């Protein structure tokens, strides 16, 4: 009689995850990836109704505004009540910004920093009591290559992502002894709805897209699915010894210096 070995359980079997900004782009790709590998996933978003209908069957949509502490705490408590706990937090909600330091008013600086930095603070703060109770606690922050490379016309956005990188390291140190790992991913220019909107406003969208492709050594934009796979690795039990790390998913943009015409 031939013995058929029992396949191992899915990678995230039994784990509960929250993905902020999870109704589109990198957040949605991450939520789908985690769910496909066994996790029960809640999507926190200002517009959870934007979640595609097919995803409503496998993801738990929860309305949440990361700029409102009461909204965040209520959303996290709702998720924990419905999922029975929390093991993984993906701090992905964020907004973009363009311009030099001279181009954005104080109010815009406050708005972007409120979402991109304080949003992560609020969500993590609300999740900490539940993460401490987890047997496998992981936080993954969506950062950016803009935190480590000087990009033109991105002063405000770069400042916010530089803060996310430093925040990730500080959180990793603060919560290591509590059994909570904290890492971040640094995507290059990713093919997301935000980039699509940015290109649509350009004088020559095709020329702008070509320039963005050429800026990365691989010669193409990073896909949301590629970033999601990196986030999933950092969140997974396979990365149990990885904390305080920034994982670049940027097509070589940060580390490689190719000569013109080589990409």
C-alpha atoms as a PDB file:
ATOM      1  CA  UNK A   1       0.000   0.000   0.000  1.00  0.00           C
ATOM      2  CA  UNK A   2       1.358   3.354  -0.994  1.00  0.00           C
ATOM      3  CA  UNK A   3       1.489   5.870   1.828  1.00  0.00           C
ATOM      4  CA  UNK A   4       0.557   9.407   0.845  1.00  0.00           C
ATOM      5  CA  UNK A   5       2.241  11.893   3.182  1.00  0.00           C
ATOM      6  CA  UNK A   6       0.017  14.469   4.829  1.00  0.00           C
ATOM      7  CA  UNK A   7       0.809  17.915   3.409  1.00  0.00           C
ATOM      8  CA  UNK A   8       1.990  20.527   5.905  1.00  0.00           C
ATOM      9  CA  UNK A   9      -0.543  23.120   7.065  1.00  0.00           C
ATOM     10  CA  UNK A  10      -0.573  26.471   5.269  1.00  0.00           C
ATOM     11  CA  UNK A  11       2.160  28.874   6.342  1.00  0.00           C
ATOM     12  CA  UNK A  12      -0.188  31.189   8.236  1.00  0.00           C
ATOM     13  CA  UNK A  13      -2.597  28.529   9.468  1.00  0.00           C
ATOM     14  CA  UNK A  14      -4.348  29.699  12.643  1.00  0.00           C
ATOM     15  CA  UNK A  15      -2.923  33.224  12.543  1.00  0.00           C
ATOM     16  CA  UNK A  16      -5.013  36.410  12.597  1.00  0.00           C
ATOM     17  CA  UNK A  17      -3.889  39.461  10.639  1.00  0.00           C
ATOM     18  CA  UNK A  18      -4.828  43.107  10.168  1.00  0.00           C
ATOM     19  CA  UNK A  19      -3.830  45.054   7.049  1.00  0.00           C
ATOM     20  CA  UNK A  20      -4.425  48.804   7.072  1.00  0.00           C
ATOM     21  CA  UNK A  21      -5.149  50.510   3.763  1.00  0.00           C
ATOM     22  CA  UNK A  22      -6.066  47.049   2.559  1.00  0.00           C
ATOM     23  CA  UNK A  23      -8.800  47.788   0.033  1.00  0.00           C
ATOM     24  CA  UNK A  24      -6.438  48.450  -2.873  1.00  0.00           C
ATOM     25  CA  UNK A  25      -2.842  48.352  -4.101  1.00  0.00           C
ATOM     26  CA  UNK A  26      -0.130  46.832  -1.922  1.00  0.00           C
ATOM     27  CA  UNK A  27      -2.520  46.453   1.007  1.00  0.00           C
ATOM     28  CA  UNK A  28      -5.030  44.411  -0.979  1.00  0.00           C
ATOM     29  CA  UNK A  29      -2.286  42.274  -2.523  1.00  0.00           C
ATOM     30  CA  UNK A  30      -0.926  41.603   0.972  1.00  0.00           C
ATOM     31  CA  UNK A  31      -4.329  40.725   2.426  1.00  0.00           C
ATOM     32  CA  UNK A  32      -4.957  38.315  -0.440  1.00  0.00           C
ATOM     33  CA  UNK A  33      -1.528  36.701  -0.030  1.00  0.00           C
ATOM     34  CA  UNK A  34      -1.940  36.164   3.709  1.00  0.00           C
ATOM     35  CA  UNK A  35      -5.445  34.754   3.281  1.00  0.00           C
ATOM     36  CA  UNK A  36      -4.329  32.427   0.484  1.00  0.00           C
ATOM     37  CA  UNK A  37      -1.701  30.998   2.838  1.00  0.00           C
ATOM     38  CA  UNK A  38      -4.053  30.279   5.707  1.00  0.00           C
ATOM     39  CA  UNK A  39      -4.439  33.510   7.695  1.00  0.00           C
ATOM     40  CA  UNK A  40      -7.737  35.046   8.719  1.00  0.00           C
ATOM     41  CA  UNK A  41      -7.401  38.623   7.528  1.00  0.00           C
ATOM     42  CA  UNK A  42      -9.171  41.855   8.392  1.00  0.00           C
ATOM     43  CA  UNK A  43      -8.820  44.830   6.079  1.00  0.00           C
ATOM     44  CA  UNK A  44      -8.922  48.252   7.760  1.00  0.00           C
ATOM     45  CA  UNK A  45      -9.681  51.035   5.323  1.00  0.00           C
ATOM     46  CA  UNK A  46     -11.449  54.390   5.161  1.00  0.00           C
ATOM     47  CA  UNK A  47     -13.540  52.913   2.361  1.00  0.00           C
ATOM     48  CA  UNK A  48     -13.866  49.166   3.001  1.00  0.00           C
ATOM     49  CA  UNK A  49     -16.743  49.047   0.500  1.00  0.00           C
ATOM     50  CA  UNK A  50     -14.111  49.551  -2.210  1.00  0.00           C
ATOM     51  CA  UNK A  51     -12.935  46.003  -1.582  1.00  0.00           C
ATOM     52  CA  UNK A  52     -13.685  43.906  -4.698  1.00  0.00           C
ATOM     53  CA  UNK A  53     -16.755  41.716  -4.286  1.00  0.00           C
ATOM     54  CA  UNK A  54     -14.817  38.450  -4.643  1.00  0.00           C
ATOM     55  CA  UNK A  55     -12.541  39.466  -1.768  1.00  0.00           C
ATOM     56  CA  UNK A  56     -15.486  40.052   0.545  1.00  0.00           C
ATOM     57  CA  UNK A  57     -15.773  36.264   0.730  1.00  0.00           C
ATOM     58  CA  UNK A  58     -12.312  35.780   2.209  1.00  0.00           C
ATOM     59  CA  UNK A  59     -11.433  39.105   3.876  1.00  0.00           C
ATOM     60  CA  UNK A  60     -13.101  40.927   6.764  1.00  0.00           C
ATOM     61  CA  UNK A  61     -13.653  44.600   5.821  1.00  0.00           C
ATOM     62  CA  UNK A  62     -13.637  47.094   8.708  1.00  0.00           C
ATOM     63  CA  UNK A  63     -14.047  50.837   8.384  1.00  0.00           C
ATOM     64  CA  UNK A  64     -11.160  52.732   9.969  1.00  0.00           C
ATOM     65  CA  UNK A  65      -9.569  56.179   9.717  1.00  0.00           C
ATOM     66  CA  UNK A  66      -5.955  55.975  10.908  1.00  0.00           C
ATOM     67  CA  UNK A  67      -5.949  59.717  11.662  1.00  0.00           C
ATOM     68  CA  UNK A  68      -8.648  59.196  14.329  1.00  0.00           C
ATOM     69  CA  UNK A  69      -7.477  57.401  17.477  1.00  0.00           C
ATOM     70  CA  UNK A  70     -11.012  56.462  18.547  1.00  0.00           C
ATOM     71  CA  UNK A  71     -11.713  54.991  15.096  1.00  0.00           C
ATOM     72  CA  UNK A  72      -8.501  52.961  15.217  1.00  0.00           C
ATOM     73  CA  UNK A  73      -9.120  51.585  18.691  1.00  0.00           C
ATOM     74  CA  UNK A  74     -12.700  50.655  17.839  1.00  0.00           C
ATOM     75  CA  UNK A  75     -11.661  48.945  14.601  1.00  0.00           C
ATOM     76  CA  UNK A  76      -8.886  46.914  16.244  1.00  0.00           C
ATOM     77  CA  UNK A  77     -11.174  45.893  19.117  1.00  0.00           C
ATOM     78  CA  UNK A  78     -13.846  44.838  16.593  1.00  0.00           C
ATOM     79  CA  UNK A  79     -11.332  42.714  14.676  1.00  0.00           C
ATOM     80  CA  UNK A  80     -10.044  41.026  17.823  1.00  0.00           C
ATOM     81  CA  UNK A  81     -13.586  40.279  18.948  1.00  0.00           C
ATOM     82  CA  UNK A  82     -14.470  38.721  15.598  1.00  0.00           C
ATOM     83  CA  UNK A  83     -11.212  36.868  14.946  1.00  0.00           C
ATOM     84  CA  UNK A  84     -10.466  35.911  18.536  1.00  0.00           C
ATOM     85  CA  UNK A  85      -7.095  37.622  18.721  1.00  0.00           C
ATOM     86  CA  UNK A  86      -4.360  39.240  16.672  1.00  0.00           C
ATOM     87  CA  UNK A  87      -0.977  37.944  15.535  1.00  0.00           C
ATOM     88  CA  UNK A  88       0.078  40.075  12.570  1.00  0.00           C
ATOM     89  CA  UNK A  89      -0.249  43.804  11.953  1.00  0.00           C
ATOM     90  CA  UNK A  90       0.615  45.232   8.544  1.00  0.00           C
ATOM     91  CA  UNK A  91       0.804  49.023   8.764  1.00  0.00           C
ATOM     92  CA  UNK A  92       0.274  49.827   5.108  1.00  0.00           C
ATOM     93  CA  UNK A  93      -2.098  52.836   5.048  1.00  0.00           C
ATOM     94  CA  UNK A  94      -0.367  55.862   3.572  1.00  0.00           C
ATOM     95  CA  UNK A  95      -0.665  58.754   1.146  1.00  0.00           C
ATOM     96  CA  UNK A  96       1.704  60.339  -1.330  1.00  0.00           C
ATOM     97  CA  UNK A  97       3.026  63.855  -1.744  1.00  0.00           C
ATOM     98  CA  UNK A  98       4.984  65.744  -4.366  1.00  0.00           C
ATOM     99  CA  UNK A  99       7.201  68.797  -4.332  1.00  0.00           C
ATOM    100  CA  UNK A 100      10.273  70.343  -2.742  1.00  0.00           C
ATOM    101  CA  UNK A 101      10.311  71.738   0.793  1.00  0.00           C
ATOM    102  CA  UNK A 102       9.010  75.010  -0.663  1.00  0.00           C
ATOM    103  CA  UNK A 103       5.989  73.510  -2.388  1.00  0.00           C
ATOM    104  CA  UNK A 104       3.761  72.282   0.441  1.00  0.00           C
ATOM    105  CA  UNK A 105       2.128  74.373   3.152  1.00  0.00           C
ATOM    106  CA  UNK A 106       2.347  73.476   6.831  1.00  0.00           C
ATOM    107  CA  UNK A 107      -1.153  72.007   6.714  1.00  0.00           C
ATOM    108  CA  UNK A 108      -0.132  69.534   4.005  1.00  0.00           C
ATOM    109  CA  UNK A 109       2.974  68.529   5.968  1.00  0.00           C
ATOM    110  CA  UNK A 110       0.787  67.907   9.001  1.00  0.00           C
ATOM    111  CA  UNK A 111      -1.749  65.909   6.944  1.00  0.00           C
ATOM    112  CA  UNK A 112       0.798  63.582   5.336  1.00  0.00           C
ATOM    113  CA  UNK A 113       2.761  62.996   8.539  1.00  0.00           C
ATOM    114  CA  UNK A 114      -0.501  62.366  10.380  1.00  0.00           C
ATOM    115  CA  UNK A 115      -1.421  59.546   8.000  1.00  0.00           C
ATOM    116  CA  UNK A 116       1.984  58.080   7.166  1.00  0.00           C
ATOM    117  CA  UNK A 117       3.629  58.219  10.594  1.00  0.00           C
ATOM    118  CA  UNK A 118       1.068  58.830  13.324  1.00  0.00           C
ATOM    119  CA  UNK A 119      -1.319  56.445  11.599  1.00  0.00           C
ATOM    120  CA  UNK A 120       1.171  53.645  12.248  1.00  0.00           C
ATOM    121  CA  UNK A 121       1.632  54.821  15.819  1.00  0.00           C
ATOM    122  CA  UNK A 122      -2.108  54.754  16.509  1.00  0.00           C
ATOM    123  CA  UNK A 123      -2.682  51.347  14.953  1.00  0.00           C
ATOM    124  CA  UNK A 124       0.308  49.714  16.619  1.00  0.00           C
ATOM    125  CA  UNK A 125      -0.574  51.250  19.980  1.00  0.00           C
ATOM    126  CA  UNK A 126      -4.102  49.843  19.747  1.00  0.00           C
ATOM    127  CA  UNK A 127      -2.822  46.420  18.668  1.00  0.00           C
ATOM    128  CA  UNK A 128      -0.035  46.008  21.249  1.00  0.00           C
ATOM    129  CA  UNK A 129      -2.098  44.416  24.050  1.00  0.00           C
ATOM    130  CA  UNK A 130      -3.302  41.722  21.650  1.00  0.00           C
ATOM    131  CA  UNK A 131       0.085  41.208  19.999  1.00  0.00           C
ATOM    132  CA  UNK A 132       1.645  40.673  23.414  1.00  0.00           C
ATOM    133  CA  UNK A 133      -0.782  37.793  23.947  1.00  0.00           C
ATOM    134  CA  UNK A 134       0.104  36.163  20.610  1.00  0.00           C
ATOM    135  CA  UNK A 135       2.355  33.139  20.224  1.00  0.00           C
ATOM    136  CA  UNK A 136       3.569  34.656  16.970  1.00  0.00           C
ATOM    137  CA  UNK A 137       3.510  38.448  16.914  1.00  0.00           C
ATOM    138  CA  UNK A 138       4.797  40.405  13.930  1.00  0.00           C
ATOM    139  CA  UNK A 139       4.438  43.998  12.764  1.00  0.00           C
ATOM    140  CA  UNK A 140       5.394  44.971   9.221  1.00  0.00           C
ATOM    141  CA  UNK A 141       5.431  48.623   8.168  1.00  0.00           C
ATOM    142  CA  UNK A 142       5.251  49.743   4.553  1.00  0.00           C
ATOM    143  CA  UNK A 143       8.131  52.166   4.143  1.00  0.00           C
ATOM    144  CA  UNK A 144       9.766  53.226   0.842  1.00  0.00           C
ATOM    145  CA  UNK A 145      13.029  53.545  -1.038  1.00  0.00           C
ATOM    146  CA  UNK A 146      12.376  57.266  -0.504  1.00  0.00           C
ATOM    147  CA  UNK A 147      13.567  56.730   3.081  1.00  0.00           C
ATOM    148  CA  UNK A 148      17.065  55.798   1.925  1.00  0.00           C
ATOM    149  CA  UNK A 149      17.528  57.458  -1.488  1.00  0.00           C
ATOM    150  CA  UNK A 150      17.221  61.127  -2.375  1.00  0.00           C
ATOM    151  CA  UNK A 151      14.420  61.437  -4.920  1.00  0.00           C
ATOM    152  CA  UNK A 152      13.511  64.719  -6.635  1.00  0.00           C
ATOM    153  CA  UNK A 153      10.180  66.361  -5.834  1.00  0.00           C
ATOM    154  CA  UNK A 154       9.526  64.066  -2.870  1.00  0.00           C
ATOM    155  CA  UNK A 155      10.634  66.114   0.176  1.00  0.00           C
ATOM    156  CA  UNK A 156       7.499  65.649   2.253  1.00  0.00           C
ATOM    157  CA  UNK A 157       6.918  62.031   1.262  1.00  0.00           C
ATOM    158  CA  UNK A 158      10.578  61.164   1.876  1.00  0.00           C
ATOM    159  CA  UNK A 159      10.501  62.811   5.301  1.00  0.00           C
ATOM    160  CA  UNK A 160       7.466  60.756   6.285  1.00  0.00           C
ATOM    161  CA  UNK A 161       9.030  57.500   5.118  1.00  0.00           C
ATOM    162  CA  UNK A 162      12.356  58.325   6.768  1.00  0.00           C
ATOM    163  CA  UNK A 163      10.382  58.637   9.995  1.00  0.00           C
ATOM    164  CA  UNK A 164       8.759  55.248   9.335  1.00  0.00           C
ATOM    165  CA  UNK A 165      12.184  53.639   8.940  1.00  0.00           C
ATOM    166  CA  UNK A 166      13.420  55.077  12.243  1.00  0.00           C
ATOM    167  CA  UNK A 167      10.131  54.234  13.930  1.00  0.00           C
ATOM    168  CA  UNK A 168      10.467  50.623  12.772  1.00  0.00           C
ATOM    169  CA  UNK A 169      13.906  50.293  14.368  1.00  0.00           C
ATOM    170  CA  UNK A 170      12.754  51.897  17.622  1.00  0.00           C
ATOM    171  CA  UNK A 171       9.663  49.687  17.820  1.00  0.00           C
ATOM    172  CA  UNK A 172      11.748  46.584  17.137  1.00  0.00           C
ATOM    173  CA  UNK A 173      14.010  47.450  20.071  1.00  0.00           C
ATOM    174  CA  UNK A 174      11.145  48.359  22.389  1.00  0.00           C
ATOM    175  CA  UNK A 175       9.072  45.247  21.850  1.00  0.00           C
ATOM    176  CA  UNK A 176      11.608  42.482  21.180  1.00  0.00           C
ATOM    177  CA  UNK A 177      11.460  41.224  24.782  1.00  0.00           C
ATOM    178  CA  UNK A 178       7.676  41.089  24.499  1.00  0.00           C
ATOM    179  CA  UNK A 179       7.955  38.592  21.653  1.00  0.00           C
ATOM    180  CA  UNK A 180       6.958  41.082  18.968  1.00  0.00           C
ATOM    181  CA  UNK A 181       9.049  41.370  15.815  1.00  0.00           C
ATOM    182  CA  UNK A 182       8.944  44.642  13.849  1.00  0.00           C
ATOM    183  CA  UNK A 183      10.260  45.086  10.306  1.00  0.00           C
ATOM    184  CA  UNK A 184       9.523  47.177   7.238  1.00  0.00           C
ATOM    185  CA  UNK A 185       9.574  46.834   3.477  1.00  0.00           C
ATOM    186  CA  UNK A 186      11.050  49.522   1.237  1.00  0.00           C
ATOM    187  CA  UNK A 187       9.355  49.287  -2.160  1.00  0.00           C
ATOM    188  CA  UNK A 188      10.662  51.130  -5.171  1.00  0.00           C
ATOM    189  CA  UNK A 189       8.128  52.722  -7.487  1.00  0.00           C
ATOM    190  CA  UNK A 190       5.250  50.260  -7.407  1.00  0.00           C
ATOM    191  CA  UNK A 191       2.495  49.878  -9.970  1.00  0.00           C
ATOM    192  CA  UNK A 192      -0.359  50.928  -7.689  1.00  0.00           C
ATOM    193  CA  UNK A 193      -3.515  53.048  -8.077  1.00  0.00           C
ATOM    194  CA  UNK A 194      -1.680  56.045  -6.586  1.00  0.00           C
ATOM    195  CA  UNK A 195       0.998  55.882  -9.284  1.00  0.00           C
ATOM    196  CA  UNK A 196      -1.764  55.506 -11.855  1.00  0.00           C
ATOM    197  CA  UNK A 197      -3.407  58.702 -10.631  1.00  0.00           C
ATOM    198  CA  UNK A 198      -0.041  60.472 -10.600  1.00  0.00           C
ATOM    199  CA  UNK A 199       0.640  59.460 -14.186  1.00  0.00           C
ATOM    200  CA  UNK A 200      -2.826  60.506 -15.316  1.00  0.00           C
ATOM    201  CA  UNK A 201      -2.086  64.069 -14.196  1.00  0.00           C
ATOM    202  CA  UNK A 202       1.217  64.272 -16.075  1.00  0.00           C
ATOM    203  CA  UNK A 203       1.488  66.294 -19.290  1.00  0.00           C
ATOM    204  CA  UNK A 204       2.713  63.155 -21.072  1.00  0.00           C
ATOM    205  CA  UNK A 205       1.665  60.066 -19.056  1.00  0.00           C
ATOM    206  CA  UNK A 206       3.464  57.593 -21.324  1.00  0.00           C
ATOM    207  CA  UNK A 207       6.733  59.527 -21.184  1.00  0.00           C
ATOM    208  CA  UNK A 208       6.436  59.780 -17.401  1.00  0.00           C
ATOM    209  CA  UNK A 209       5.791  56.048 -17.096  1.00  0.00           C
ATOM    210  CA  UNK A 210       8.808  55.321 -19.297  1.00  0.00           C
ATOM    211  CA  UNK A 211      10.948  57.550 -17.059  1.00  0.00           C
ATOM    212  CA  UNK A 212       9.743  55.733 -13.927  1.00  0.00           C
ATOM    213  CA  UNK A 213      10.549  52.373 -15.503  1.00  0.00           C
ATOM    214  CA  UNK A 214      14.002  53.569 -16.519  1.00  0.00           C
ATOM    215  CA  UNK A 215      14.759  54.846 -13.000  1.00  0.00           C
ATOM    216  CA  UNK A 216      14.820  51.285 -11.683  1.00  0.00           C
ATOM    217  CA  UNK A 217      17.706  48.998 -12.697  1.00  0.00           C
ATOM    218  CA  UNK A 218      15.285  46.203 -13.585  1.00  0.00           C
ATOM    219  CA  UNK A 219      13.694  48.544 -16.106  1.00  0.00           C
ATOM    220  CA  UNK A 220      10.166  48.109 -14.792  1.00  0.00           C
ATOM    221  CA  UNK A 221       7.911  49.080 -11.905  1.00  0.00           C
ATOM    222  CA  UNK A 222       7.635  46.835  -8.870  1.00  0.00           C
ATOM    223  CA  UNK A 223       4.353  44.914  -8.707  1.00  0.00           C
ATOM    224  CA  UNK A 224       2.059  45.040  -5.688  1.00  0.00           C
ATOM    225  CA  UNK A 225       2.214  41.241  -5.500  1.00  0.00           C
ATOM    226  CA  UNK A 226       6.015  41.339  -5.197  1.00  0.00           C
ATOM    227  CA  UNK A 227       5.818  43.738  -2.264  1.00  0.00           C
ATOM    228  CA  UNK A 228       3.077  41.612  -0.693  1.00  0.00           C
ATOM    229  CA  UNK A 229       5.287  38.519  -0.874  1.00  0.00           C
ATOM    230  CA  UNK A 230       8.053  40.370   0.963  1.00  0.00           C
ATOM    231  CA  UNK A 231       5.633  41.587   3.632  1.00  0.00           C
ATOM    232  CA  UNK A 232       4.328  38.045   4.050  1.00  0.00           C
ATOM    233  CA  UNK A 233       7.848  36.698   4.536  1.00  0.00           C
ATOM    234  CA  UNK A 234       8.596  39.239   7.275  1.00  0.00           C
ATOM    235  CA  UNK A 235       5.279  38.410   8.952  1.00  0.00           C
ATOM    236  CA  UNK A 236       5.718  34.653   8.709  1.00  0.00           C
ATOM    237  CA  UNK A 237       7.085  32.122  11.202  1.00  0.00           C
ATOM    238  CA  UNK A 238       9.892  31.546   8.689  1.00  0.00           C
ATOM    239  CA  UNK A 239      11.264  34.985   9.664  1.00  0.00           C
ATOM    240  CA  UNK A 240      11.282  34.264  13.406  1.00  0.00           C
ATOM    241  CA  UNK A 241      14.859  35.596  13.718  1.00  0.00           C
ATOM    242  CA  UNK A 242      14.278  38.695  11.590  1.00  0.00           C
ATOM    243  CA  UNK A 243      13.529  41.949  13.385  1.00  0.00           C
ATOM    244  CA  UNK A 244      14.598  45.565  12.963  1.00  0.00           C
ATOM    245  CA  UNK A 245      15.150  44.965   9.248  1.00  0.00           C
ATOM    246  CA  UNK A 246      14.262  47.049   6.190  1.00  0.00           C
ATOM    247  CA  UNK A 247      13.749  44.744   3.199  1.00  0.00           C
ATOM    248  CA  UNK A 248      14.200  46.524  -0.121  1.00  0.00           C
ATOM    249  CA  UNK A 249      11.794  45.494  -2.882  1.00  0.00           C
ATOM    250  CA  UNK A 250      12.920  48.101  -5.355  1.00  0.00           C
ATOM    251  CA  UNK A 251      14.342  46.408  -8.424  1.00  0.00           C
ATOM    252  CA  UNK A 252      17.849  47.401  -7.299  1.00  0.00           C
ATOM    253  CA  UNK A 253      17.036  51.102  -7.131  1.00  0.00           C
ATOM    254  CA  UNK A 254      18.756  51.718  -3.805  1.00  0.00           C
ATOM    255  CA  UNK A 255      21.842  49.560  -4.076  1.00  0.00           C
ATOM    256  CA  UNK A 256      22.770  49.239  -7.764  1.00  0.00           C
ATOM    257  CA  UNK A 257      24.526  51.773  -9.990  1.00  0.00           C
ATOM    258  CA  UNK A 258      24.258  50.593 -13.585  1.00  0.00           C
ATOM    259  CA  UNK A 259      25.645  52.507 -16.520  1.00  0.00           C
ATOM    260  CA  UNK A 260      23.174  54.015 -18.958  1.00  0.00           C
ATOM    261  CA  UNK A 261      21.731  51.411 -21.299  1.00  0.00           C
ATOM    262  CA  UNK A 262      22.534  48.428 -19.068  1.00  0.00           C
ATOM    263  CA  UNK A 263      19.087  47.941 -17.542  1.00  0.00           C
END
